[in-house]
């Protein structure tokens, strides 16, 4: 009866190893896509803040605009 428990544990461990290997392979592909030096550069006419949401958030953080809704009148 105890050998069956070891078989189940071995199968679970093998499944976890296969899942981890698949995730690492996917992560490697994503990393290679990000660090690819042959990809075309973004056009200079397009400001960085319009390319993606992260760039817009970074621009808002680095260059805060005065709040126009508040008036002292």
PDB file of N, CA and C in Angstrom:
ATOM      1  N   UNK A   1       0.819  -1.196   0.000  1.00  0.00           N
ATOM      2  CA  UNK A   1       0.000   0.000   0.000  1.00  0.00           C
ATOM      3  C   UNK A   1       0.859   1.255   0.000  1.00  0.00           C
ATOM      4  N   UNK A   2       2.036   1.214   0.659  1.00  0.00           N
ATOM      5  CA  UNK A   2       2.864   2.415   0.733  1.00  0.00           C
ATOM      6  C   UNK A   2       3.527   2.722  -0.616  1.00  0.00           C
ATOM      7  N   UNK A   3       3.750   1.717  -1.446  1.00  0.00           N
ATOM      8  CA  UNK A   3       4.351   1.984  -2.743  1.00  0.00           C
ATOM      9  C   UNK A   3       3.428   2.808  -3.610  1.00  0.00           C
ATOM     10  N   UNK A   4       2.124   2.679  -3.420  1.00  0.00           N
ATOM     11  CA  UNK A   4       1.164   3.463  -4.204  1.00  0.00           C
ATOM     12  C   UNK A   4       1.273   4.954  -3.861  1.00  0.00           C
ATOM     13  N   UNK A   5       1.510   5.236  -2.602  1.00  0.00           N
ATOM     14  CA  UNK A   5       1.694   6.621  -2.197  1.00  0.00           C
ATOM     15  C   UNK A   5       2.948   7.199  -2.845  1.00  0.00           C
ATOM     16  N   UNK A   6       4.011   6.414  -2.917  1.00  0.00           N
ATOM     17  CA  UNK A   6       5.238   6.881  -3.560  1.00  0.00           C
ATOM     18  C   UNK A   6       5.032   7.107  -5.053  1.00  0.00           C
ATOM     19  N   UNK A   7       4.229   6.272  -5.672  1.00  0.00           N
ATOM     20  CA  UNK A   7       3.933   6.450  -7.098  1.00  0.00           C
ATOM     21  C   UNK A   7       3.160   7.741  -7.311  1.00  0.00           C
ATOM     22  N   UNK A   8       2.175   8.000  -6.475  1.00  0.00           N
ATOM     23  CA  UNK A   8       1.401   9.237  -6.583  1.00  0.00           C
ATOM     24  C   UNK A   8       2.304  10.449  -6.352  1.00  0.00           C
ATOM     25  N   UNK A   9       3.169  10.371  -5.363  1.00  0.00           N
ATOM     26  CA  UNK A   9       4.080  11.480  -5.080  1.00  0.00           C
ATOM     27  C   UNK A   9       5.050  11.696  -6.242  1.00  0.00           C
ATOM     28  N   UNK A  10       5.543  10.612  -6.831  1.00  0.00           N
ATOM     29  CA  UNK A  10       6.468  10.723  -7.965  1.00  0.00           C
ATOM     30  C   UNK A  10       5.763  11.337  -9.177  1.00  0.00           C
ATOM     31  N   UNK A  11       4.523  10.943  -9.415  1.00  0.00           N
ATOM     32  CA  UNK A  11       3.769  11.516 -10.532  1.00  0.00           C
ATOM     33  C   UNK A  11       3.498  13.004 -10.307  1.00  0.00           C
ATOM     34  N   UNK A  12       3.169  13.367  -9.078  1.00  0.00           N
ATOM     35  CA  UNK A  12       2.934  14.781  -8.768  1.00  0.00           C
ATOM     36  C   UNK A  12       4.220  15.586  -8.938  1.00  0.00           C
ATOM     37  N   UNK A  13       5.330  15.043  -8.503  1.00  0.00           N
ATOM     38  CA  UNK A  13       6.609  15.735  -8.650  1.00  0.00           C
ATOM     39  C   UNK A  13       6.974  15.877 -10.123  1.00  0.00           C
ATOM     40  N   UNK A  14       6.752  14.835 -10.901  1.00  0.00           N
ATOM     41  CA  UNK A  14       7.047  14.905 -12.332  1.00  0.00           C
ATOM     42  C   UNK A  14       6.155  15.946 -13.013  1.00  0.00           C
ATOM     43  N   UNK A  15       4.895  16.005 -12.615  1.00  0.00           N
ATOM     44  CA  UNK A  15       3.992  17.009 -13.169  1.00  0.00           C
ATOM     45  C   UNK A  15       4.439  18.424 -12.834  1.00  0.00           C
ATOM     46  N   UNK A  16       4.892  18.636 -11.596  1.00  0.00           N
ATOM     47  CA  UNK A  16       5.379  19.956 -11.205  1.00  0.00           C
ATOM     48  C   UNK A  16       6.643  20.343 -11.973  1.00  0.00           C
ATOM     49  N   UNK A  17       7.511  19.384 -12.190  1.00  0.00           N
ATOM     50  CA  UNK A  17       8.741  19.660 -12.944  1.00  0.00           C
ATOM     51  C   UNK A  17       8.398  20.018 -14.382  1.00  0.00           C
ATOM     52  N   UNK A  18       7.482  19.285 -14.993  1.00  0.00           N
ATOM     53  CA  UNK A  18       7.074  19.592 -16.360  1.00  0.00           C
ATOM     54  C   UNK A  18       6.402  20.959 -16.451  1.00  0.00           C
ATOM     55  N   UNK A  19       5.563  21.287 -15.477  1.00  0.00           N
ATOM     56  CA  UNK A  19       4.911  22.597 -15.456  1.00  0.00           C
ATOM     57  C   UNK A  19       5.944  23.714 -15.299  1.00  0.00           C
ATOM     58  N   UNK A  20       6.896  23.528 -14.411  1.00  0.00           N
ATOM     59  CA  UNK A  20       7.943  24.536 -14.218  1.00  0.00           C
ATOM     60  C   UNK A  20       8.778  24.693 -15.486  1.00  0.00           C
ATOM     61  N   UNK A  21       9.095  23.598 -16.150  1.00  0.00           N
ATOM     62  CA  UNK A  21       9.885  23.677 -17.383  1.00  0.00           C
ATOM     63  C   UNK A  21       9.119  24.416 -18.477  1.00  0.00           C
ATOM     64  N   UNK A  22       7.819  24.150 -18.579  1.00  0.00           N
ATOM     65  CA  UNK A  22       7.012  24.844 -19.584  1.00  0.00           C
ATOM     66  C   UNK A  22       6.940  26.342 -19.286  1.00  0.00           C
ATOM     67  N   UNK A  23       6.778  26.693 -18.013  1.00  0.00           N
ATOM     68  CA  UNK A  23       6.727  28.113 -17.638  1.00  0.00           C
ATOM     69  C   UNK A  23       8.063  28.801 -17.898  1.00  0.00           C
ATOM     70  N   UNK A  24       9.153  28.128 -17.601  1.00  0.00           N
ATOM     71  CA  UNK A  24      10.466  28.712 -17.839  1.00  0.00           C
ATOM     72  C   UNK A  24      10.739  28.875 -19.334  1.00  0.00           C
ATOM     73  N   UNK A  25      10.280  27.936 -20.124  1.00  0.00           N
ATOM     74  CA  UNK A  25      10.458  28.049 -21.574  1.00  0.00           C
ATOM     75  C   UNK A  25       9.688  29.245 -22.106  1.00  0.00           C
ATOM     76  N   UNK A  26       8.466  29.427 -21.627  1.00  0.00           N
ATOM     77  CA  UNK A  26       7.662  30.583 -22.035  1.00  0.00           C
ATOM     78  C   UNK A  26       8.318  31.877 -21.570  1.00  0.00           C
ATOM     79  N   UNK A  27       8.817  31.885 -20.342  1.00  0.00           N
ATOM     80  CA  UNK A  27       9.484  33.081 -19.824  1.00  0.00           C
ATOM     81  C   UNK A  27      10.725  33.401 -20.651  1.00  0.00           C
ATOM     82  N   UNK A  28      11.433  32.394 -21.089  1.00  0.00           N
ATOM     83  CA  UNK A  28      12.621  32.624 -21.917  1.00  0.00           C
ATOM     84  C   UNK A  28      12.238  33.251 -23.258  1.00  0.00           C
ATOM     85  N   UNK A  29      11.138  32.787 -23.852  1.00  0.00           N
ATOM     86  CA  UNK A  29      10.677  33.364 -25.116  1.00  0.00           C
ATOM     87  C   UNK A  29      10.289  34.830 -24.932  1.00  0.00           C
ATOM     88  N   UNK A  30       9.586  35.127 -23.843  1.00  0.00           N
ATOM     89  CA  UNK A  30       9.195  36.508 -23.570  1.00  0.00           C
ATOM     90  C   UNK A  30      10.429  37.369 -23.350  1.00  0.00           C
ATOM     91  N   UNK A  31      11.399  36.866 -22.599  1.00  0.00           N
ATOM     92  CA  UNK A  31      12.636  37.601 -22.359  1.00  0.00           C
ATOM     93  C   UNK A  31      13.379  37.859 -23.659  1.00  0.00           C
ATOM     94  N   UNK A  32      13.439  36.847 -24.509  1.00  0.00           N
ATOM     95  CA  UNK A  32      14.110  37.029 -25.797  1.00  0.00           C
ATOM     96  C   UNK A  32      13.387  38.054 -26.662  1.00  0.00           C
ATOM     97  N   UNK A  33      12.065  38.070 -26.618  1.00  0.00           N
ATOM     98  CA  UNK A  33      11.309  39.072 -27.366  1.00  0.00           C
ATOM     99  C   UNK A  33      11.586  40.478 -26.849  1.00  0.00           C
ATOM    100  N   UNK A  34      11.684  40.624 -25.542  1.00  0.00           N
ATOM    101  CA  UNK A  34      11.919  41.942 -24.958  1.00  0.00           C
ATOM    102  C   UNK A  34      13.320  42.435 -25.284  1.00  0.00           C
ATOM    103  N   UNK A  35      14.292  41.567 -25.222  1.00  0.00           N
ATOM    104  CA  UNK A  35      15.686  41.975 -25.395  1.00  0.00           C
ATOM    105  C   UNK A  35      16.182  41.813 -26.824  1.00  0.00           C
ATOM    106  N   UNK A  36      15.291  41.576 -27.778  1.00  0.00           N
ATOM    107  CA  UNK A  36      15.675  41.418 -29.171  1.00  0.00           C
ATOM    108  C   UNK A  36      16.213  42.738 -29.714  1.00  0.00           C
ATOM    109  N   UNK A  37      17.450  42.731 -30.181  1.00  0.00           N
ATOM    110  CA  UNK A  37      18.068  43.957 -30.696  1.00  0.00           C
ATOM    111  C   UNK A  37      17.717  44.222 -32.149  1.00  0.00           C
ATOM    112  N   UNK A  38      17.154  43.268 -32.835  1.00  0.00           N
ATOM    113  CA  UNK A  38      16.828  43.423 -34.251  1.00  0.00           C
ATOM    114  C   UNK A  38      15.424  43.968 -34.486  1.00  0.00           C
ATOM    115  N   UNK A  39      14.665  44.211 -33.442  1.00  0.00           N
ATOM    116  CA  UNK A  39      13.303  44.705 -33.637  1.00  0.00           C
ATOM    117  C   UNK A  39      13.345  46.158 -34.069  1.00  0.00           C
ATOM    118  N   UNK A  40      12.344  46.618 -34.810  1.00  0.00           N
ATOM    119  CA  UNK A  40      12.359  48.003 -35.276  1.00  0.00           C
ATOM    120  C   UNK A  40      12.176  48.976 -34.114  1.00  0.00           C
ATOM    121  N   UNK A  41      12.863  50.086 -34.209  1.00  0.00           N
ATOM    122  CA  UNK A  41      12.773  51.114 -33.171  1.00  0.00           C
ATOM    123  C   UNK A  41      11.459  51.870 -33.328  1.00  0.00           C
ATOM    124  N   UNK A  42      10.893  52.391 -32.232  1.00  0.00           N
ATOM    125  CA  UNK A  42       9.664  53.176 -32.355  1.00  0.00           C
ATOM    126  C   UNK A  42       9.929  54.459 -33.133  1.00  0.00           C
ATOM    127  N   UNK A  43       8.927  54.928 -33.811  1.00  0.00           N
ATOM    128  CA  UNK A  43       9.086  56.143 -34.611  1.00  0.00           C
ATOM    129  C   UNK A  43       9.295  57.339 -33.699  1.00  0.00           C
ATOM    130  N   UNK A  44      10.203  58.236 -34.059  1.00  0.00           N
ATOM    131  CA  UNK A  44      10.458  59.387 -33.187  1.00  0.00           C
ATOM    132  C   UNK A  44       9.295  60.371 -33.158  1.00  0.00           C
ATOM    133  N   UNK A  45       8.422  60.341 -34.173  1.00  0.00           N
ATOM    134  CA  UNK A  45       7.285  61.265 -34.189  1.00  0.00           C
ATOM    135  C   UNK A  45       6.259  60.909 -33.120  1.00  0.00           C
ATOM    136  N   UNK A  46       6.300  59.683 -32.665  1.00  0.00           N
ATOM    137  CA  UNK A  46       5.336  59.227 -31.665  1.00  0.00           C
ATOM    138  C   UNK A  46       5.936  59.436 -30.273  1.00  0.00           C
ATOM    139  N   UNK A  47       5.346  60.315 -29.459  1.00  0.00           N
ATOM    140  CA  UNK A  47       5.895  60.533 -28.114  1.00  0.00           C
ATOM    141  C   UNK A  47       5.819  59.268 -27.268  1.00  0.00           C
ATOM    142  N   UNK A  48       6.732  59.161 -26.330  1.00  0.00           N
ATOM    143  CA  UNK A  48       6.794  57.966 -25.489  1.00  0.00           C
ATOM    144  C   UNK A  48       5.520  57.800 -24.675  1.00  0.00           C
ATOM    145  N   UNK A  49       4.879  58.900 -24.311  1.00  0.00           N
ATOM    146  CA  UNK A  49       3.682  58.803 -23.480  1.00  0.00           C
ATOM    147  C   UNK A  49       2.495  58.233 -24.239  1.00  0.00           C
ATOM    148  N   UNK A  50       2.558  58.172 -25.552  1.00  0.00           N
ATOM    149  CA  UNK A  50       1.428  57.643 -26.320  1.00  0.00           C
ATOM    150  C   UNK A  50       1.627  56.187 -26.720  1.00  0.00           C
ATOM    151  N   UNK A  51       2.804  55.636 -26.477  1.00  0.00           N
ATOM    152  CA  UNK A  51       3.067  54.271 -26.911  1.00  0.00           C
ATOM    153  C   UNK A  51       2.349  53.221 -26.084  1.00  0.00           C
ATOM    154  N   UNK A  52       2.361  53.367 -24.793  1.00  0.00           N
ATOM    155  CA  UNK A  52       1.689  52.365 -23.966  1.00  0.00           C
ATOM    156  C   UNK A  52       1.296  52.978 -22.628  1.00  0.00           C
ATOM    157  N   UNK A  53       0.511  52.253 -21.911  1.00  0.00           N
ATOM    158  CA  UNK A  53      -0.034  52.738 -20.646  1.00  0.00           C
ATOM    159  C   UNK A  53       1.057  52.955 -19.605  1.00  0.00           C
ATOM    160  N   UNK A  54       2.058  52.101 -19.596  1.00  0.00           N
ATOM    161  CA  UNK A  54       3.140  52.240 -18.627  1.00  0.00           C
ATOM    162  C   UNK A  54       3.921  53.530 -18.859  1.00  0.00           C
ATOM    163  N   UNK A  55       4.162  53.861 -20.112  1.00  0.00           N
ATOM    164  CA  UNK A  55       4.875  55.100 -20.415  1.00  0.00           C
ATOM    165  C   UNK A  55       4.050  56.314 -20.006  1.00  0.00           C
ATOM    166  N   UNK A  56       2.739  56.265 -20.200  1.00  0.00           N
ATOM    167  CA  UNK A  56       1.879  57.385 -19.783  1.00  0.00           C
ATOM    168  C   UNK A  56       1.896  57.540 -18.271  1.00  0.00           C
ATOM    169  N   UNK A  57       1.838  56.421 -17.551  1.00  0.00           N
ATOM    170  CA  UNK A  57       1.869  56.489 -16.085  1.00  0.00           C
ATOM    171  C   UNK A  57       3.216  57.018 -15.606  1.00  0.00           C
ATOM    172  N   UNK A  58       4.292  56.593 -16.243  1.00  0.00           N
ATOM    173  CA  UNK A  58       5.615  57.073 -15.873  1.00  0.00           C
ATOM    174  C   UNK A  58       5.726  58.577 -16.135  1.00  0.00           C
ATOM    175  N   UNK A  59       5.185  59.042 -17.254  1.00  0.00           N
ATOM    176  CA  UNK A  59       5.226  60.471 -17.569  1.00  0.00           C
ATOM    177  C   UNK A  59       4.400  61.272 -16.565  1.00  0.00           C
ATOM    178  N   UNK A  60       3.247  60.732 -16.152  1.00  0.00           N
ATOM    179  CA  UNK A  60       2.433  61.427 -15.140  1.00  0.00           C
ATOM    180  C   UNK A  60       3.181  61.530 -13.831  1.00  0.00           C
ATOM    181  N   UNK A  61       3.936  60.490 -13.493  1.00  0.00           N
ATOM    182  CA  UNK A  61       4.678  60.491 -12.230  1.00  0.00           C
ATOM    183  C   UNK A  61       5.879  61.434 -12.288  1.00  0.00           C
ATOM    184  N   UNK A  62       6.596  61.418 -13.412  1.00  0.00           N
ATOM    185  CA  UNK A  62       7.799  62.238 -13.518  1.00  0.00           C
ATOM    186  C   UNK A  62       7.489  63.706 -13.781  1.00  0.00           C
ATOM    187  N   UNK A  63       6.434  63.968 -14.543  1.00  0.00           N
ATOM    188  CA  UNK A  63       6.086  65.342 -14.911  1.00  0.00           C
ATOM    189  C   UNK A  63       4.637  65.611 -14.525  1.00  0.00           C
ATOM    190  N   UNK A  64       4.356  65.810 -13.237  1.00  0.00           N
ATOM    191  CA  UNK A  64       2.962  66.021 -12.836  1.00  0.00           C
ATOM    192  C   UNK A  64       2.430  67.349 -13.371  1.00  0.00           C
ATOM    193  N   UNK A  65       1.207  67.311 -13.807  1.00  0.00           N
ATOM    194  CA  UNK A  65       0.541  68.512 -14.311  1.00  0.00           C
ATOM    195  C   UNK A  65      -0.260  69.141 -13.177  1.00  0.00           C
ATOM    196  N   UNK A  66      -0.343  70.469 -13.138  1.00  0.00           N
ATOM    197  CA  UNK A  66      -1.163  71.099 -12.094  1.00  0.00           C
ATOM    198  C   UNK A  66      -2.627  70.743 -12.303  1.00  0.00           C
ATOM    199  N   UNK A  67      -3.310  70.577 -11.208  1.00  0.00           N
ATOM    200  CA  UNK A  67      -4.721  70.212 -11.279  1.00  0.00           C
ATOM    201  C   UNK A  67      -5.534  71.446 -11.656  1.00  0.00           C
ATOM    202  N   UNK A  68      -6.184  71.422 -12.803  1.00  0.00           N
ATOM    203  CA  UNK A  68      -6.923  72.579 -13.281  1.00  0.00           C
ATOM    204  C   UNK A  68      -8.311  72.683 -12.671  1.00  0.00           C
ATOM    205  N   UNK A  69      -8.749  71.649 -11.971  1.00  0.00           N
ATOM    206  CA  UNK A  69     -10.084  71.696 -11.369  1.00  0.00           C
ATOM    207  C   UNK A  69     -10.115  72.547 -10.123  1.00  0.00           C
ATOM    208  N   UNK A  70      -9.002  72.728  -9.463  1.00  0.00           N
ATOM    209  CA  UNK A  70      -8.941  73.508  -8.242  1.00  0.00           C
ATOM    210  C   UNK A  70      -8.665  74.964  -8.589  1.00  0.00           C
ATOM    211  N   UNK A  71      -9.554  75.817  -8.221  1.00  0.00           N
ATOM    212  CA  UNK A  71      -9.307  77.242  -8.462  1.00  0.00           C
ATOM    213  C   UNK A  71      -9.512  77.992  -7.145  1.00  0.00           C
ATOM    214  N   UNK A  72      -8.698  78.972  -6.933  1.00  0.00           N
ATOM    215  CA  UNK A  72      -8.789  79.786  -5.729  1.00  0.00           C
ATOM    216  C   UNK A  72      -9.463  81.071  -6.117  1.00  0.00           C
ATOM    217  N   UNK A  73     -10.764  81.108  -6.039  1.00  0.00           N
ATOM    218  CA  UNK A  73     -11.410  82.295  -6.557  1.00  0.00           C
ATOM    219  C   UNK A  73     -12.377  82.894  -5.653  1.00  0.00           C
TER     220      UNK A  73
END
